[in-house]
Amino acid sequence: MITYDLFSYSNAGCEDCSEIDIPDAEVFLYPSLLSNQEADQLFDILKTSIIWEKHKIKLYGEVHDVPRLTAWYGDPNKSYEYSGIKLKTRLWNAGLLKIREKIETISKTKFNSVLLNLYRSGSDSVLWHSDDEPELGKNPVIGSLSLGEAREFQMKHKYNRDLKQNILLQHGSFLLMKGKTQHNWLHQIPKRKNLKGERINLTFRTIH
């Protein structure tokens, strides 16, 4: 039986991370927050224990399947809606609470919810957006843990087209975005048809 006791909870500081040098943002990358063994086991646990949902979205007058599976877990009454999709809130399970404990230690932030995305292959993606919904507060802190297939995280400035950044999010990596990042930058995970592996991403948030 796999247990979460295998995960270490050392108080890693930013000596274990690199600050992404981009203007109008505060972005930090921990390239190996989890060991390969920890990340492998966590991926397997989440793949089977999370209740994954399929959603549809309306774009340019047409209805399409959202190109990934999603799940929303958190405290009671912490609902979340984006692009006209209202996610059903499921209460934290024991495993997610343990993961949150580690992420909060790193981020020095209290999170009350997490959005999980399952990218089934490189054909799954997420379009350009900012995590700037009103319920996330003025300067939201977003903690993003990646598991599985490494995917390219693309960023572009909202007001200066010349400012762009690509970050490779690898198995067991953690990306922390805070300050005015969501005010000034968009991000996406583009399609990569040559990639066949699955990826699970957890973005921890605080709903106000």
Protein backbone atom coordinates (compact mmCIF):
# COMPACT_ATOMS: atom_id res chain seq x y z
CA MET A 1 0.00 0.00 0.00
CA ILE A 2 1.35 3.44 -0.91
CA THR A 3 1.31 6.03 1.86
CA TYR A 4 2.10 9.72 1.98
CA ASP A 5 4.64 9.13 4.76
CA LEU A 6 7.19 8.71 1.96
CA PHE A 7 7.08 12.44 1.25
CA SER A 8 9.66 14.60 2.98
CA TYR A 9 8.62 17.97 4.38
CA SER A 10 11.87 19.85 4.78
CA ASN A 11 11.61 23.63 4.99
CA ALA A 12 13.22 24.40 1.64
CA GLY A 13 14.16 28.02 1.10
CA CYS A 14 14.80 29.75 -2.17
CA GLU A 15 18.35 28.46 -2.18
CA ASP A 16 16.56 25.44 -3.69
CA CYS A 17 14.81 27.54 -6.33
CA SER A 18 15.57 30.04 -9.05
CA GLU A 19 13.75 33.34 -9.50
CA ILE A 20 12.59 33.82 -13.08
CA ASP A 21 13.98 37.18 -14.16
CA ILE A 22 10.99 38.86 -15.81
CA PRO A 23 9.57 42.34 -15.18
CA ASP A 24 6.24 43.08 -13.48
CA ALA A 25 6.14 39.62 -11.87
CA GLU A 26 7.36 37.44 -9.02
CA VAL A 27 7.91 33.90 -10.31
CA PHE A 28 10.03 31.20 -8.65
CA LEU A 29 10.85 27.72 -9.95
CA TYR A 30 11.76 24.78 -7.72
CA PRO A 31 12.95 22.32 -10.41
CA SER A 32 12.92 19.26 -8.13
CA LEU A 33 10.70 19.91 -5.15
CA LEU A 34 9.90 16.18 -5.10
CA SER A 35 12.31 13.34 -5.75
CA ASN A 36 11.56 11.07 -8.71
CA GLN A 37 10.30 8.38 -6.33
CA GLU A 38 8.01 10.81 -4.50
CA ALA A 39 6.70 12.26 -7.76
CA ASP A 40 6.12 8.80 -9.29
CA GLN A 41 4.10 7.62 -6.31
CA LEU A 42 2.15 10.84 -6.01
CA PHE A 43 1.22 10.70 -9.70
CA ASP A 44 -0.09 7.13 -9.31
CA ILE A 45 -2.10 8.04 -6.20
CA LEU A 46 -3.72 11.09 -7.78
CA LYS A 47 -4.47 9.36 -11.07
CA THR A 48 -6.60 6.76 -9.30
CA SER A 49 -7.95 8.58 -6.22
CA ILE A 50 -9.06 11.91 -7.68
CA ILE A 51 -12.57 12.15 -9.17
CA TRP A 52 -11.75 13.54 -12.62
CA GLU A 53 -14.42 15.42 -14.56
CA LYS A 54 -15.01 16.24 -18.22
CA HIS A 55 -16.35 19.67 -19.10
CA LYS A 56 -17.47 21.54 -22.18
CA ILE A 57 -16.71 25.13 -23.07
CA LYS A 58 -18.27 27.55 -25.55
CA LEU A 59 -15.78 29.29 -27.85
CA TYR A 60 -16.73 31.58 -30.71
CA GLY A 61 -20.30 30.29 -30.62
CA GLU A 62 -19.36 26.61 -30.70
CA VAL A 63 -19.29 24.07 -27.87
CA HIS A 64 -16.08 22.07 -27.44
CA ASP A 65 -14.73 19.53 -24.96
CA VAL A 66 -12.25 21.09 -22.55
CA PRO A 67 -8.94 19.53 -23.69
CA ARG A 68 -8.03 18.03 -20.30
CA LEU A 69 -9.75 16.51 -17.27
CA THR A 70 -10.20 18.62 -14.15
CA ALA A 71 -11.06 18.39 -10.46
CA TRP A 72 -11.61 21.00 -7.75
CA TYR A 73 -10.92 20.22 -4.09
CA GLY A 74 -10.95 22.54 -1.12
CA ASP A 75 -12.61 23.87 2.01
CA PRO A 76 -16.43 23.92 2.19
CA ASN A 77 -18.10 26.71 0.21
CA LYS A 78 -14.94 27.59 -1.72
CA SER A 79 -16.43 27.28 -5.21
CA TYR A 80 -14.64 28.33 -8.38
CA GLU A 81 -15.82 29.30 -11.83
CA TYR A 82 -13.88 30.10 -14.99
CA SER A 83 -14.88 30.51 -18.65
CA GLY A 84 -18.47 29.78 -17.72
CA ILE A 85 -17.56 26.45 -16.09
CA LYS A 86 -18.57 26.06 -12.45
CA LEU A 87 -16.53 23.37 -10.76
CA LYS A 88 -18.04 21.11 -8.12
CA THR A 89 -16.21 21.45 -4.82
CA ARG A 90 -15.00 18.21 -3.30
CA LEU A 91 -13.59 18.22 0.22
CA TRP A 92 -9.89 17.64 0.77
CA ASN A 93 -8.82 14.04 1.09
CA ALA A 94 -5.98 13.02 3.40
CA GLY A 95 -3.44 12.86 0.60
CA LEU A 96 -4.16 16.33 -0.74
CA LEU A 97 -3.95 17.78 2.76
CA LYS A 98 -0.45 16.34 3.13
CA ILE A 99 0.60 17.78 -0.21
CA ARG A 100 -0.90 21.14 0.77
CA GLU A 101 1.16 21.10 3.97
CA LYS A 102 4.36 20.85 1.97
CA ILE A 103 3.30 23.49 -0.56
CA GLU A 104 2.29 25.92 2.19
CA THR A 105 5.67 25.51 3.87
CA ILE A 106 7.44 26.40 0.63
CA SER A 107 5.07 29.21 -0.35
CA LYS A 108 4.57 30.70 3.12
CA THR A 109 0.91 30.99 2.14
CA LYS A 110 -2.27 29.35 3.42
CA PHE A 111 -4.26 27.75 0.59
CA ASN A 112 -7.91 26.71 0.85
CA SER A 113 -8.39 25.06 -2.55
CA VAL A 114 -6.63 23.31 -5.40
CA LEU A 115 -7.44 22.94 -9.09
CA LEU A 116 -6.16 19.68 -10.59
CA ASN A 117 -5.69 19.13 -14.32
CA LEU A 118 -4.99 15.82 -16.01
CA TYR A 119 -3.37 16.20 -19.44
CA ARG A 120 -3.88 12.81 -21.09
CA SER A 121 -1.29 13.43 -23.82
CA GLY A 122 0.36 16.30 -25.67
CA SER A 123 -2.97 16.86 -27.43
CA ASP A 124 -4.40 18.23 -24.16
CA SER A 125 -3.70 21.86 -23.37
CA VAL A 126 -4.84 25.08 -21.73
CA LEU A 127 -5.22 28.35 -23.63
CA TRP A 128 -3.80 31.76 -22.77
CA HIS A 129 -5.23 33.10 -19.51
CA SER A 130 -4.43 34.72 -16.18
CA ASP A 131 -5.50 33.43 -12.79
CA ASP A 132 -7.11 36.77 -11.99
CA GLU A 133 -10.71 35.96 -11.09
CA PRO A 134 -12.05 38.36 -8.42
CA GLU A 135 -12.44 35.62 -5.81
CA LEU A 136 -8.66 35.03 -5.90
CA GLY A 137 -7.98 38.48 -4.43
CA LYS A 138 -5.89 41.46 -5.49
CA ASN A 139 -2.47 39.79 -5.83
CA PRO A 140 -3.15 36.05 -5.89
CA VAL A 141 -0.50 33.54 -4.91
CA ILE A 142 -0.61 30.48 -7.15
CA GLY A 143 1.43 27.39 -6.28
CA SER A 144 1.72 24.96 -9.19
CA LEU A 145 3.02 21.39 -8.76
CA SER A 146 3.75 19.34 -11.91
CA LEU A 147 3.88 15.55 -12.21
CA GLY A 148 4.43 13.28 -15.20
CA GLU A 149 5.30 14.37 -18.72
CA ALA A 150 7.40 17.55 -18.83
CA ARG A 151 5.45 20.35 -20.51
CA GLU A 152 6.32 23.83 -21.68
CA PHE A 153 4.79 26.65 -19.63
CA GLN A 154 4.62 29.72 -21.85
CA MET A 155 4.20 33.26 -20.56
CA LYS A 156 3.64 36.54 -22.40
CA HIS A 157 3.26 40.08 -21.11
CA LYS A 158 -0.20 41.61 -21.46
CA TYR A 159 1.05 45.04 -22.45
CA ASN A 160 4.50 44.50 -24.02
CA ARG A 161 4.43 41.99 -26.88
CA ASP A 162 8.21 41.70 -26.85
CA LEU A 163 8.26 40.16 -23.36
CA LYS A 164 7.90 36.38 -23.40
CA GLN A 165 9.12 33.51 -21.23
CA ASN A 166 9.14 29.73 -21.63
CA ILE A 167 9.62 27.48 -18.59
CA LEU A 168 9.92 23.69 -18.76
CA LEU A 169 7.86 22.19 -15.93
CA GLN A 170 9.34 18.80 -15.20
CA HIS A 171 8.24 15.83 -13.10
CA GLY A 172 8.24 16.90 -9.44
CA SER A 173 8.79 20.62 -10.11
CA PHE A 174 7.00 23.48 -8.37
CA LEU A 175 6.27 26.94 -9.80
CA LEU A 176 5.28 29.78 -7.49
CA MET A 177 3.64 32.92 -8.89
CA LYS A 178 2.76 35.89 -6.71
CA GLY A 179 2.72 39.69 -6.52
CA LYS A 180 1.44 41.36 -9.68
CA THR A 181 2.18 38.41 -11.96
CA GLN A 182 -1.46 37.74 -12.83
CA HIS A 183 -2.10 41.44 -13.51
CA ASN A 184 0.65 41.66 -16.10
CA TRP A 185 1.19 38.21 -17.61
CA LEU A 186 -0.78 35.51 -19.45
CA HIS A 187 0.24 31.86 -19.46
CA GLN A 188 -0.63 28.66 -21.32
CA ILE A 189 0.31 25.01 -21.81
CA PRO A 190 0.34 24.58 -25.63
CA LYS A 191 -0.48 21.40 -27.51
CA ARG A 192 2.49 19.19 -28.39
CA LYS A 193 1.22 16.35 -30.57
CA ASN A 194 4.55 14.49 -30.35
CA LEU A 195 4.16 14.01 -26.58
CA LYS A 196 2.30 10.87 -25.50
CA GLY A 197 2.80 10.85 -21.72
CA GLU A 198 0.26 11.98 -19.13
CA ARG A 199 0.73 15.01 -16.86
CA ILE A 200 -1.03 16.00 -13.65
CA ASN A 201 -0.85 19.59 -12.47
CA LEU A 202 -2.07 20.93 -9.11
CA THR A 203 -2.53 24.69 -8.74
CA PHE A 204 -3.09 25.68 -5.12
CA ARG A 205 -5.14 28.83 -4.59
CA THR A 206 -6.81 30.94 -1.91
CA ILE A 207 -10.47 31.77 -2.52
CA HIS A 208 -11.67 34.88 -0.65
